[in-house]
Amino acid sequence: MISKEFELIREARISKIRSSLGAKRAEYATDADVLVNFKSGAACLKTSPEKTLLSYATKHWVSIQDMIENLPIDGSINPNTKEANLEVWNEKVGDVINYLILLEGLIQERLSGK
């Protein structure tokens, strides 16, 4: 892949992150606490918000692992499989990236004592 192509992928991903985290915020967060979903989940599961986030993110990571396992070694792609769909790849990769950003927020909050 040439540099220009990768730059386009990078910039598209950054735009998707902004859009996705903004849209999901209304569904999973409050103005008072954008990480409340993980804290509420932690209370239900009797664990930490970070472990709750990890458990939520694991579903997406396992899906990516399955998709990687289904890739042929020779570099070809079967267009008839769900895994070959670039839209599915983009969604799953984006989900994991978003969870890592949210984890960074939880860790920052914990270590800053706020």
PDB file of N, CA and C in Angstrom:
ATOM      1  N   MET A   1       0.847  -1.170   0.000  1.00  0.00           N
ATOM      2  CA  MET A   1       0.000   0.000   0.000  1.00  0.00           C
ATOM      3  C   MET A   1       0.897   1.240   0.000  1.00  0.00           C
ATOM      4  N   ILE A   2       0.556   2.159  -0.844  1.00  0.00           N
ATOM      5  CA  ILE A   2       1.350   3.384  -0.901  1.00  0.00           C
ATOM      6  C   ILE A   2       0.900   4.350   0.187  1.00  0.00           C
ATOM      7  N   SER A   3       1.773   5.276   0.511  1.00  0.00           N
ATOM      8  CA  SER A   3       1.543   6.222   1.603  1.00  0.00           C
ATOM      9  C   SER A   3       0.241   6.991   1.440  1.00  0.00           C
ATOM     10  N   LYS A   4      -0.048   7.451   0.246  1.00  0.00           N
ATOM     11  CA  LYS A   4      -1.268   8.242   0.000  1.00  0.00           C
ATOM     12  C   LYS A   4      -2.518   7.440   0.340  1.00  0.00           C
ATOM     13  N   GLU A   5      -2.536   6.171  -0.034  1.00  0.00           N
ATOM     14  CA  GLU A   5      -3.681   5.312   0.260  1.00  0.00           C
ATOM     15  C   GLU A   5      -3.862   5.166   1.768  1.00  0.00           C
ATOM     16  N   PHE A   6      -2.745   4.954   2.470  1.00  0.00           N
ATOM     17  CA  PHE A   6      -2.821   4.787   3.915  1.00  0.00           C
ATOM     18  C   PHE A   6      -3.299   6.068   4.586  1.00  0.00           C
ATOM     19  N   GLU A   7      -2.842   7.210   4.109  1.00  0.00           N
ATOM     20  CA  GLU A   7      -3.282   8.487   4.663  1.00  0.00           C
ATOM     21  C   GLU A   7      -4.792   8.658   4.516  1.00  0.00           C
ATOM     22  N   LEU A   8      -5.332   8.222   3.396  1.00  0.00           N
ATOM     23  CA  LEU A   8      -6.784   8.292   3.191  1.00  0.00           C
ATOM     24  C   LEU A   8      -7.517   7.394   4.188  1.00  0.00           C
ATOM     25  N   ILE A   9      -6.977   6.204   4.419  1.00  0.00           N
ATOM     26  CA  ILE A   9      -7.577   5.287   5.396  1.00  0.00           C
ATOM     27  C   ILE A   9      -7.522   5.908   6.785  1.00  0.00           C
ATOM     28  N   ARG A  10      -6.364   6.452   7.157  1.00  0.00           N
ATOM     29  CA  ARG A  10      -6.193   7.074   8.478  1.00  0.00           C
ATOM     30  C   ARG A  10      -7.183   8.215   8.679  1.00  0.00           C
ATOM     31  N   GLU A  11      -7.280   9.101   7.719  1.00  0.00           N
ATOM     32  CA  GLU A  11      -8.164  10.255   7.860  1.00  0.00           C
ATOM     33  C   GLU A  11      -9.630   9.839   7.885  1.00  0.00           C
ATOM     34  N   ALA A  12      -9.982   8.832   7.103  1.00  0.00           N
ATOM     35  CA  ALA A  12     -11.355   8.328   7.128  1.00  0.00           C
ATOM     36  C   ALA A  12     -11.671   7.724   8.491  1.00  0.00           C
ATOM     37  N   ARG A  13     -10.712   7.003   9.072  1.00  0.00           N
ATOM     38  CA  ARG A  13     -10.926   6.392  10.393  1.00  0.00           C
ATOM     39  C   ARG A  13     -11.116   7.460  11.457  1.00  0.00           C
ATOM     40  N   ILE A  14     -10.291   8.495  11.432  1.00  0.00           N
ATOM     41  CA  ILE A  14     -10.417   9.569  12.420  1.00  0.00           C
ATOM     42  C   ILE A  14     -11.786  10.226  12.306  1.00  0.00           C
ATOM     43  N   SER A  15     -12.249  10.433  11.109  1.00  0.00           N
ATOM     44  CA  SER A  15     -13.581  11.015  10.902  1.00  0.00           C
ATOM     45  C   SER A  15     -14.675  10.079  11.433  1.00  0.00           C
ATOM     46  N   LYS A  16     -14.525   8.782  11.173  1.00  0.00           N
ATOM     47  CA  LYS A  16     -15.504   7.799  11.666  1.00  0.00           C
ATOM     48  C   LYS A  16     -15.515   7.748  13.189  1.00  0.00           C
ATOM     49  N   ILE A  17     -14.345   7.862  13.802  1.00  0.00           N
ATOM     50  CA  ILE A  17     -14.264   7.849  15.269  1.00  0.00           C
ATOM     51  C   ILE A  17     -15.057   9.025  15.830  1.00  0.00           C
ATOM     52  N   ARG A  18     -14.819  10.205  15.293  1.00  0.00           N
ATOM     53  CA  ARG A  18     -15.548  11.393  15.774  1.00  0.00           C
ATOM     54  C   ARG A  18     -17.053  11.203  15.639  1.00  0.00           C
ATOM     55  N   SER A  19     -17.462  10.732  14.493  1.00  0.00           N
ATOM     56  CA  SER A  19     -18.887  10.552  14.228  1.00  0.00           C
ATOM     57  C   SER A  19     -19.499   9.496  15.139  1.00  0.00           C
ATOM     58  N   SER A  20     -18.837   8.351  15.238  1.00  0.00           N
ATOM     59  CA  SER A  20     -19.367   7.236  16.021  1.00  0.00           C
ATOM     60  C   SER A  20     -19.425   7.554  17.513  1.00  0.00           C
ATOM     61  N   LEU A  21     -18.346   8.090  18.059  1.00  0.00           N
ATOM     62  CA  LEU A  21     -18.344   8.412  19.486  1.00  0.00           C
ATOM     63  C   LEU A  21     -19.362   9.505  19.789  1.00  0.00           C
ATOM     64  N   GLY A  22     -19.544  10.416  18.868  1.00  0.00           N
ATOM     65  CA  GLY A  22     -20.551  11.458  19.060  1.00  0.00           C
ATOM     66  C   GLY A  22     -21.963  10.895  19.049  1.00  0.00           C
ATOM     67  N   ALA A  23     -22.249  10.013  18.110  1.00  0.00           N
ATOM     68  CA  ALA A  23     -23.579   9.421  18.007  1.00  0.00           C
ATOM     69  C   ALA A  23     -23.872   8.495  19.186  1.00  0.00           C
ATOM     70  N   LYS A  24     -22.899   7.700  19.584  1.00  0.00           N
ATOM     71  CA  LYS A  24     -23.102   6.754  20.693  1.00  0.00           C
ATOM     72  C   LYS A  24     -23.209   7.458  22.040  1.00  0.00           C
ATOM     73  N   ARG A  25     -22.634   8.639  22.126  1.00  0.00           N
ATOM     74  CA  ARG A  25     -22.670   9.376  23.389  1.00  0.00           C
ATOM     75  C   ARG A  25     -24.108   9.620  23.835  1.00  0.00           C
ATOM     76  N   ALA A  26     -24.957   9.979  22.912  1.00  0.00           N
ATOM     77  CA  ALA A  26     -26.354  10.237  23.250  1.00  0.00           C
ATOM     78  C   ALA A  26     -27.047   8.973  23.762  1.00  0.00           C
ATOM     79  N   GLU A  27     -26.614   7.826  23.292  1.00  0.00           N
ATOM     80  CA  GLU A  27     -27.237   6.561  23.670  1.00  0.00           C
ATOM     81  C   GLU A  27     -26.698   6.003  24.987  1.00  0.00           C
ATOM     82  N   TYR A  28     -25.393   6.177  25.243  1.00  0.00           N
ATOM     83  CA  TYR A  28     -24.750   5.494  26.355  1.00  0.00           C
ATOM     84  C   TYR A  28     -24.196   6.398  27.450  1.00  0.00           C
ATOM     85  N   ALA A  29     -24.255   7.702  27.264  1.00  0.00           N
ATOM     86  CA  ALA A  29     -23.601   8.605  28.210  1.00  0.00           C
ATOM     87  C   ALA A  29     -24.553   9.716  28.633  1.00  0.00           C
ATOM     88  N   THR A  30     -24.105  10.476  29.602  1.00  0.00           N
ATOM     89  CA  THR A  30     -24.835  11.677  30.010  1.00  0.00           C
ATOM     90  C   THR A  30     -23.873  12.852  29.911  1.00  0.00           C
ATOM     91  N   ASP A  31     -24.411  14.041  29.958  1.00  0.00           N
ATOM     92  CA  ASP A  31     -23.543  15.220  29.949  1.00  0.00           C
ATOM     93  C   ASP A  31     -22.671  15.250  31.201  1.00  0.00           C
ATOM     94  N   ALA A  32     -23.203  14.722  32.286  1.00  0.00           N
ATOM     95  CA  ALA A  32     -22.456  14.721  33.543  1.00  0.00           C
ATOM     96  C   ALA A  32     -21.321  13.695  33.542  1.00  0.00           C
ATOM     97  N   ASP A  33     -21.485  12.583  32.795  1.00  0.00           N
ATOM     98  CA  ASP A  33     -20.466  11.532  32.805  1.00  0.00           C
ATOM     99  C   ASP A  33     -20.555  10.716  31.517  1.00  0.00           C
ATOM    100  N   VAL A  34     -19.591  10.924  30.641  1.00  0.00           N
ATOM    101  CA  VAL A  34     -19.604  10.197  29.370  1.00  0.00           C
ATOM    102  C   VAL A  34     -19.237   8.725  29.537  1.00  0.00           C
ATOM    103  N   LEU A  35     -18.750   8.340  30.707  1.00  0.00           N
ATOM    104  CA  LEU A  35     -18.347   6.955  30.953  1.00  0.00           C
ATOM    105  C   LEU A  35     -19.321   6.216  31.884  1.00  0.00           C
ATOM    106  N   VAL A  36     -20.471   6.793  32.104  1.00  0.00           N
ATOM    107  CA  VAL A  36     -21.442   6.245  33.057  1.00  0.00           C
ATOM    108  C   VAL A  36     -21.872   4.822  32.708  1.00  0.00           C
ATOM    109  N   ASN A  37     -21.931   4.493  31.434  1.00  0.00           N
ATOM    110  CA  ASN A  37     -22.367   3.163  31.023  1.00  0.00           C
ATOM    111  C   ASN A  37     -21.459   2.075  31.602  1.00  0.00           C
ATOM    112  N   PHE A  38     -20.169   2.324  31.628  1.00  0.00           N
ATOM    113  CA  PHE A  38     -19.225   1.339  32.162  1.00  0.00           C
ATOM    114  C   PHE A  38     -19.278   1.289  33.678  1.00  0.00           C
ATOM    115  N   LYS A  39     -19.548   2.413  34.291  1.00  0.00           N
ATOM    116  CA  LYS A  39     -19.655   2.461  35.754  1.00  0.00           C
ATOM    117  C   LYS A  39     -20.937   1.768  36.214  1.00  0.00           C
ATOM    118  N   SER A  40     -22.018   1.987  35.498  1.00  0.00           N
ATOM    119  CA  SER A  40     -23.279   1.298  35.837  1.00  0.00           C
ATOM    120  C   SER A  40     -23.146  -0.197  35.608  1.00  0.00           C
ATOM    121  N   GLY A  41     -22.515  -0.565  34.494  1.00  0.00           N
ATOM    122  CA  GLY A  41     -22.275  -1.980  34.217  1.00  0.00           C
ATOM    123  C   GLY A  41     -21.407  -2.615  35.289  1.00  0.00           C
ATOM    124  N   ALA A  42     -20.400  -1.879  35.742  1.00  0.00           N
ATOM    125  CA  ALA A  42     -19.508  -2.383  36.787  1.00  0.00           C
ATOM    126  C   ALA A  42     -20.271  -2.635  38.079  1.00  0.00           C
ATOM    127  N   ALA A  43     -21.194  -1.742  38.410  1.00  0.00           N
ATOM    128  CA  ALA A  43     -21.997  -1.928  39.620  1.00  0.00           C
ATOM    129  C   ALA A  43     -22.845  -3.192  39.502  1.00  0.00           C
ATOM    130  N   CYS A  44     -23.422  -3.419  38.339  1.00  0.00           N
ATOM    131  CA  CYS A  44     -24.237  -4.630  38.129  1.00  0.00           C
ATOM    132  C   CYS A  44     -23.395  -5.901  38.199  1.00  0.00           C
ATOM    133  N   LEU A  45     -22.198  -5.831  37.637  1.00  0.00           N
ATOM    134  CA  LEU A  45     -21.328  -7.008  37.567  1.00  0.00           C
ATOM    135  C   LEU A  45     -20.404  -7.154  38.768  1.00  0.00           C
ATOM    136  N   LYS A  46     -20.447  -6.154  39.654  1.00  0.00           N
ATOM    137  CA  LYS A  46     -19.586  -6.134  40.836  1.00  0.00           C
ATOM    138  C   LYS A  46     -18.106  -6.252  40.449  1.00  0.00           C
ATOM    139  N   THR A  47     -17.708  -5.379  39.549  1.00  0.00           N
ATOM    140  CA  THR A  47     -16.329  -5.334  39.078  1.00  0.00           C
ATOM    141  C   THR A  47     -15.967  -3.884  38.773  1.00  0.00           C
ATOM    142  N   SER A  48     -14.842  -3.661  38.161  1.00  0.00           N
ATOM    143  CA  SER A  48     -14.414  -2.295  37.851  1.00  0.00           C
ATOM    144  C   SER A  48     -14.972  -1.842  36.502  1.00  0.00           C
ATOM    145  N   PRO A  49     -15.076  -0.537  36.303  1.00  0.00           N
ATOM    146  CA  PRO A  49     -15.503  -0.032  34.993  1.00  0.00           C
ATOM    147  C   PRO A  49     -14.562  -0.490  33.875  1.00  0.00           C
ATOM    148  N   GLU A  50     -13.269  -0.571  34.169  1.00  0.00           N
ATOM    149  CA  GLU A  50     -12.306  -0.997  33.155  1.00  0.00           C
ATOM    150  C   GLU A  50     -12.537  -2.450  32.738  1.00  0.00           C
ATOM    151  N   LYS A  51     -12.796  -3.319  33.719  1.00  0.00           N
ATOM    152  CA  LYS A  51     -13.072  -4.721  33.389  1.00  0.00           C
ATOM    153  C   LYS A  51     -14.409  -4.850  32.664  1.00  0.00           C
ATOM    154  N   THR A  52     -15.348  -4.014  33.011  1.00  0.00           N
ATOM    155  CA  THR A  52     -16.635  -4.015  32.313  1.00  0.00           C
ATOM    156  C   THR A  52     -16.428  -3.629  30.860  1.00  0.00           C
ATOM    157  N   LEU A  53     -15.656  -2.564  30.631  1.00  0.00           N
ATOM    158  CA  LEU A  53     -15.363  -2.146  29.261  1.00  0.00           C
ATOM    159  C   LEU A  53     -14.684  -3.288  28.501  1.00  0.00           C
ATOM    160  N   LEU A  54     -13.715  -3.934  29.136  1.00  0.00           N
ATOM    161  CA  LEU A  54     -13.017  -5.033  28.483  1.00  0.00           C
ATOM    162  C   LEU A  54     -13.989  -6.143  28.092  1.00  0.00           C
ATOM    163  N   SER A  55     -14.927  -6.437  28.968  1.00  0.00           N
ATOM    164  CA  SER A  55     -15.890  -7.491  28.633  1.00  0.00           C
ATOM    165  C   SER A  55     -16.790  -7.066  27.476  1.00  0.00           C
ATOM    166  N   TYR A  56     -17.180  -5.810  27.433  1.00  0.00           N
ATOM    167  CA  TYR A  56     -17.989  -5.310  26.316  1.00  0.00           C
ATOM    168  C   TYR A  56     -17.196  -5.363  25.012  1.00  0.00           C
ATOM    169  N   ALA A  57     -15.931  -4.999  25.063  1.00  0.00           N
ATOM    170  CA  ALA A  57     -15.089  -4.943  23.866  1.00  0.00           C
ATOM    171  C   ALA A  57     -14.699  -6.328  23.363  1.00  0.00           C
ATOM    172  N   THR A  58     -14.683  -7.305  24.243  1.00  0.00           N
ATOM    173  CA  THR A  58     -14.242  -8.650  23.870  1.00  0.00           C
ATOM    174  C   THR A  58     -15.074  -9.231  22.738  1.00  0.00           C
ATOM    175  N   LYS A  59     -16.347  -8.962  22.728  1.00  0.00           N
ATOM    176  CA  LYS A  59     -17.226  -9.463  21.656  1.00  0.00           C
ATOM    177  C   LYS A  59     -16.715  -9.008  20.298  1.00  0.00           C
ATOM    178  N   HIS A  60     -16.318  -7.757  20.210  1.00  0.00           N
ATOM    179  CA  HIS A  60     -15.834  -7.215  18.938  1.00  0.00           C
ATOM    180  C   HIS A  60     -14.470  -7.812  18.585  1.00  0.00           C
ATOM    181  N   TRP A  61     -13.617  -7.968  19.586  1.00  0.00           N
ATOM    182  CA  TRP A  61     -12.299  -8.532  19.339  1.00  0.00           C
ATOM    183  C   TRP A  61     -12.410  -9.981  18.849  1.00  0.00           C
ATOM    184  N   VAL A  62     -13.292 -10.766  19.461  1.00  0.00           N
ATOM    185  CA  VAL A  62     -13.482 -12.159  19.050  1.00  0.00           C
ATOM    186  C   VAL A  62     -14.011 -12.209  17.619  1.00  0.00           C
ATOM    187  N   SER A  63     -14.880 -11.288  17.276  1.00  0.00           N
ATOM    188  CA  SER A  63     -15.395 -11.227  15.910  1.00  0.00           C
ATOM    189  C   SER A  63     -14.269 -10.955  14.919  1.00  0.00           C
ATOM    190  N   ILE A  64     -13.370 -10.032  15.269  1.00  0.00           N
ATOM    191  CA  ILE A  64     -12.224  -9.750  14.403  1.00  0.00           C
ATOM    192  C   ILE A  64     -11.333 -10.993  14.287  1.00  0.00           C
ATOM    193  N   GLN A  65     -11.097 -11.662  15.400  1.00  0.00           N
ATOM    194  CA  GLN A  65     -10.288 -12.890  15.352  1.00  0.00           C
ATOM    195  C   GLN A  65     -10.911 -13.918  14.408  1.00  0.00           C
ATOM    196  N   ASP A  66     -12.222 -14.095  14.499  1.00  0.00           N
ATOM    197  CA  ASP A  66     -12.912 -15.037  13.615  1.00  0.00           C
ATOM    198  C   ASP A  66     -12.770 -14.623  12.153  1.00  0.00           C
ATOM    199  N   MET A  67     -12.901 -13.335  11.894  1.00  0.00           N
ATOM    200  CA  MET A  67     -12.783 -12.851  10.524  1.00  0.00           C
ATOM    201  C   MET A  67     -11.366 -13.071   9.993  1.00  0.00           C
ATOM    202  N   ILE A  68     -10.373 -12.861  10.823  1.00  0.00           N
ATOM    203  CA  ILE A  68      -8.984 -13.104  10.412  1.00  0.00           C
ATOM    204  C   ILE A  68      -8.767 -14.592  10.129  1.00  0.00           C
ATOM    205  N   GLU A  69      -9.316 -15.443  10.988  1.00  0.00           N
ATOM    206  CA  GLU A  69      -9.178 -16.893  10.779  1.00  0.00           C
ATOM    207  C   GLU A  69      -9.802 -17.328   9.457  1.00  0.00           C
ATOM    208  N   ASN A  70     -10.826 -16.622   9.011  1.00  0.00           N
ATOM    209  CA  ASN A  70     -11.509 -16.984   7.765  1.00  0.00           C
ATOM    210  C   ASN A  70     -10.846 -16.420   6.517  1.00  0.00           C
ATOM    211  N   LEU A  71      -9.797 -15.621   6.689  1.00  0.00           N
ATOM    212  CA  LEU A  71      -9.073 -15.110   5.521  1.00  0.00           C
ATOM    213  C   LEU A  71      -8.200 -16.214   4.945  1.00  0.00           C
ATOM    214  N   PRO A  72      -8.279 -16.447   3.647  1.00  0.00           N
ATOM    215  CA  PRO A  72      -7.396 -17.434   3.033  1.00  0.00           C
ATOM    216  C   PRO A  72      -5.935 -16.988   3.114  1.00  0.00           C
ATOM    217  N   ILE A  73      -5.036 -17.925   3.231  1.00  0.00           N
ATOM    218  CA  ILE A  73      -3.612 -17.631   3.350  1.00  0.00           C
ATOM    219  C   ILE A  73      -3.069 -16.996   2.071  1.00  0.00           C
ATOM    220  N   ASP A  74      -3.644 -17.344   0.926  1.00  0.00           N
ATOM    221  CA  ASP A  74      -3.097 -16.872  -0.354  1.00  0.00           C
ATOM    222  C   ASP A  74      -3.449 -15.411  -0.669  1.00  0.00           C
ATOM    223  N   GLY A  75      -4.147 -14.745   0.249  1.00  0.00           N
ATOM    224  CA  GLY A  75      -4.465 -13.328   0.036  1.00  0.00           C
ATOM    225  C   GLY A  75      -5.768 -13.089  -0.708  1.00  0.00           C
ATOM    226  N   SER A  76      -6.392 -14.143  -1.207  1.00  0.00           N
ATOM    227  CA  SER A  76      -7.666 -13.970  -1.902  1.00  0.00           C
ATOM    228  C   SER A  76      -8.787 -13.770  -0.888  1.00  0.00           C
ATOM    229  N   ILE A  77      -9.886 -13.291  -1.369  1.00  0.00           N
ATOM    230  CA  ILE A  77     -11.055 -13.096  -0.516  1.00  0.00           C
ATOM    231  C   ILE A  77     -12.267 -13.678  -1.225  1.00  0.00           C
ATOM    232  N   ASN A  78     -13.057 -14.423  -0.489  1.00  0.00           N
ATOM    233  CA  ASN A  78     -14.297 -14.955  -1.030  1.00  0.00           C
ATOM    234  C   ASN A  78     -15.360 -13.875  -0.887  1.00  0.00           C
ATOM    235  N   PRO A  79     -15.806 -13.288  -1.977  1.00  0.00           N
ATOM    236  CA  PRO A  79     -16.770 -12.183  -1.890  1.00  0.00           C
ATOM    237  C   PRO A  79     -18.134 -12.590  -1.351  1.00  0.00           C
ATOM    238  N   ASN A  80     -18.365 -13.883  -1.220  1.00  0.00           N
ATOM    239  CA  ASN A  80     -19.661 -14.364  -0.728  1.00  0.00           C
ATOM    240  C   ASN A  80     -19.726 -14.495   0.789  1.00  0.00           C
ATOM    241  N   THR A  81     -18.621 -14.232   1.465  1.00  0.00           N
ATOM    242  CA  THR A  81     -18.630 -14.341   2.922  1.00  0.00           C
ATOM    243  C   THR A  81     -18.836 -12.982   3.559  1.00  0.00           C
ATOM    244  N   LYS A  82     -19.509 -12.983   4.683  1.00  0.00           N
ATOM    245  CA  LYS A  82     -19.736 -11.745   5.430  1.00  0.00           C
ATOM    246  C   LYS A  82     -18.414 -11.097   5.804  1.00  0.00           C
ATOM    247  N   GLU A  83     -17.435 -11.921   6.143  1.00  0.00           N
ATOM    248  CA  GLU A  83     -16.147 -11.427   6.588  1.00  0.00           C
ATOM    249  C   GLU A  83     -15.415 -10.637   5.507  1.00  0.00           C
ATOM    250  N   ALA A  84     -15.730 -10.915   4.239  1.00  0.00           N
ATOM    251  CA  ALA A  84     -15.047 -10.236   3.148  1.00  0.00           C
ATOM    252  C   ALA A  84     -15.574  -8.815   2.940  1.00  0.00           C
ATOM    253  N   ASN A  85     -16.684  -8.516   3.543  1.00  0.00           N
ATOM    254  CA  ASN A  85     -17.318  -7.224   3.370  1.00  0.00           C
ATOM    255  C   ASN A  85     -16.512  -6.146   4.104  1.00  0.00           C
ATOM    256  N   LEU A  86     -15.990  -5.193   3.346  1.00  0.00           N
ATOM    257  CA  LEU A  86     -15.166  -4.128   3.926  1.00  0.00           C
ATOM    258  C   LEU A  86     -15.946  -3.315   4.958  1.00  0.00           C
ATOM    259  N   GLU A  87     -17.221  -3.191   4.771  1.00  0.00           N
ATOM    260  CA  GLU A  87     -18.058  -2.459   5.735  1.00  0.00           C
ATOM    261  C   GLU A  87     -18.049  -3.140   7.099  1.00  0.00           C
ATOM    262  N   VAL A  88     -18.098  -4.465   7.120  1.00  0.00           N
ATOM    263  CA  VAL A  88     -18.055  -5.214   8.381  1.00  0.00           C
ATOM    264  C   VAL A  88     -16.691  -5.034   9.040  1.00  0.00           C
ATOM    265  N   TRP A  89     -15.626  -5.132   8.261  1.00  0.00           N
ATOM    266  CA  TRP A  89     -14.277  -4.922   8.802  1.00  0.00           C
ATOM    267  C   TRP A  89     -14.163  -3.535   9.416  1.00  0.00           C
ATOM    268  N   ASN A  90     -14.610  -2.536   8.685  1.00  0.00           N
ATOM    269  CA  ASN A  90     -14.537  -1.152   9.173  1.00  0.00           C
ATOM    270  C   ASN A  90     -15.302  -0.972  10.475  1.00  0.00           C
ATOM    271  N   GLU A  91     -16.472  -1.587  10.559  1.00  0.00           N
ATOM    272  CA  GLU A  91     -17.284  -1.468  11.769  1.00  0.00           C
ATOM    273  C   GLU A  91     -16.584  -2.110  12.969  1.00  0.00           C
ATOM    274  N   LYS A  92     -16.093  -3.315  12.789  1.00  0.00           N
ATOM    275  CA  LYS A  92     -15.459  -4.037  13.898  1.00  0.00           C
ATOM    276  C   LYS A  92     -14.174  -3.354  14.358  1.00  0.00           C
ATOM    277  N   VAL A  93     -13.335  -2.951  13.410  1.00  0.00           N
ATOM    278  CA  VAL A  93     -12.098  -2.250  13.768  1.00  0.00           C
ATOM    279  C   VAL A  93     -12.436  -0.953  14.486  1.00  0.00           C
ATOM    280  N   GLY A  94     -13.417  -0.233  13.981  1.00  0.00           N
ATOM    281  CA  GLY A  94     -13.833   1.016  14.622  1.00  0.00           C
ATOM    282  C   GLY A  94     -14.352   0.800  16.029  1.00  0.00           C
ATOM    283  N   ASP A  95     -15.109  -0.267  16.235  1.00  0.00           N
ATOM    284  CA  ASP A  95     -15.620  -0.556  17.574  1.00  0.00           C
ATOM    285  C   ASP A  95     -14.480  -0.759  18.560  1.00  0.00           C
ATOM    286  N   VAL A  96     -13.471  -1.532  18.162  1.00  0.00           N
ATOM    287  CA  VAL A  96     -12.345  -1.795  19.065  1.00  0.00           C
ATOM    288  C   VAL A  96     -11.568  -0.510  19.340  1.00  0.00           C
ATOM    289  N   ILE A  97     -11.328   0.281  18.309  1.00  0.00           N
ATOM    290  CA  ILE A  97     -10.625   1.556  18.503  1.00  0.00           C
ATOM    291  C   ILE A  97     -11.404   2.443  19.468  1.00  0.00           C
ATOM    292  N   ASN A  98     -12.706   2.523  19.289  1.00  0.00           N
ATOM    293  CA  ASN A  98     -13.525   3.355  20.175  1.00  0.00           C
ATOM    294  C   ASN A  98     -13.467   2.880  21.618  1.00  0.00           C
ATOM    295  N   TYR A  99     -13.506   1.560  21.813  1.00  0.00           N
ATOM    296  CA  TYR A  99     -13.385   1.045  23.181  1.00  0.00           C
ATOM    297  C   TYR A  99     -12.030   1.394  23.786  1.00  0.00           C
ATOM    298  N   LEU A 100     -10.975   1.363  23.001  1.00  0.00           N
ATOM    299  CA  LEU A 100      -9.655   1.733  23.522  1.00  0.00           C
ATOM    300  C   LEU A 100      -9.605   3.203  23.909  1.00  0.00           C
ATOM    301  N   ILE A 101     -10.254   4.044  23.138  1.00  0.00           N
ATOM    302  CA  ILE A 101     -10.320   5.473  23.490  1.00  0.00           C
ATOM    303  C   ILE A 101     -11.115   5.656  24.779  1.00  0.00           C
ATOM    304  N   LEU A 102     -12.214   4.943  24.903  1.00  0.00           N
ATOM    305  CA  LEU A 102     -13.012   5.021  26.130  1.00  0.00           C
ATOM    306  C   LEU A 102     -12.228   4.476  27.326  1.00  0.00           C
ATOM    307  N   LEU A 103     -11.464   3.408  27.110  1.00  0.00           N
ATOM    308  CA  LEU A 103     -10.610   2.879  28.176  1.00  0.00           C
ATOM    309  C   LEU A 103      -9.593   3.924  28.604  1.00  0.00           C
ATOM    310  N   GLU A 104      -9.038   4.616  27.645  1.00  0.00           N
ATOM    311  CA  GLU A 104      -8.085   5.678  27.981  1.00  0.00           C
ATOM    312  C   GLU A 104      -8.748   6.728  28.873  1.00  0.00           C
ATOM    313  N   GLY A 105     -10.009   7.050  28.591  1.00  0.00           N
ATOM    314  CA  GLY A 105     -10.738   7.988  29.443  1.00  0.00           C
ATOM    315  C   GLY A 105     -10.918   7.459  30.854  1.00  0.00           C
ATOM    316  N   LEU A 106     -11.287   6.189  30.980  1.00  0.00           N
ATOM    317  CA  LEU A 106     -11.452   5.587  32.309  1.00  0.00           C
ATOM    318  C   LEU A 106     -10.136   5.592  33.085  1.00  0.00           C
ATOM    319  N   ILE A 107      -9.055   5.230  32.415  1.00  0.00           N
ATOM    320  CA  ILE A 107      -7.746   5.189  33.078  1.00  0.00           C
ATOM    321  C   ILE A 107      -7.304   6.587  33.482  1.00  0.00           C
ATOM    322  N   GLN A 108      -7.487   7.532  32.586  1.00  0.00           N
ATOM    323  CA  GLN A 108      -7.119   8.934  32.905  1.00  0.00           C
ATOM    324  C   GLN A 108      -7.891   9.409  34.134  1.00  0.00           C
ATOM    325  N   GLU A 109      -9.187   9.118  34.151  1.00  0.00           N
ATOM    326  CA  GLU A 109     -10.019   9.531  35.278  1.00  0.00           C
ATOM    327  C   GLU A 109      -9.546   8.861  36.572  1.00  0.00           C
ATOM    328  N   ARG A 110      -9.264   7.565  36.501  1.00  0.00           N
ATOM    329  CA  ARG A 110      -8.831   6.828  37.698  1.00  0.00           C
ATOM    330  C   ARG A 110      -7.501   7.367  38.224  1.00  0.00           C
ATOM    331  N   LEU A 111      -6.537   7.541  37.327  1.00  0.00           N
ATOM    332  CA  LEU A 111      -5.213   7.950  37.765  1.00  0.00           C
ATOM    333  C   LEU A 111      -5.136   9.420  38.189  1.00  0.00           C
ATOM    334  N   SER A 112      -6.057  10.223  37.689  1.00  0.00           N
ATOM    335  CA  SER A 112      -6.070  11.625  38.093  1.00  0.00           C
ATOM    336  C   SER A 112      -6.881  11.817  39.371  1.00  0.00           C
ATOM    337  N   GLY A 113      -7.574  10.760  39.811  1.00  0.00           N
ATOM    338  CA  GLY A 113      -8.341  10.813  41.046  1.00  0.00           C
ATOM    339  C   GLY A 113      -9.634  11.597  40.948  1.00  0.00           C
ATOM    340  N   LYS A 114     -10.144  11.782  39.768  1.00  0.00           N
ATOM    341  CA  LYS A 114     -11.398  12.550  39.588  1.00  0.00           C
ATOM    342  C   LYS A 114     -12.582  11.665  39.441  1.00  0.00           C
TER     343      LYS A 114
END
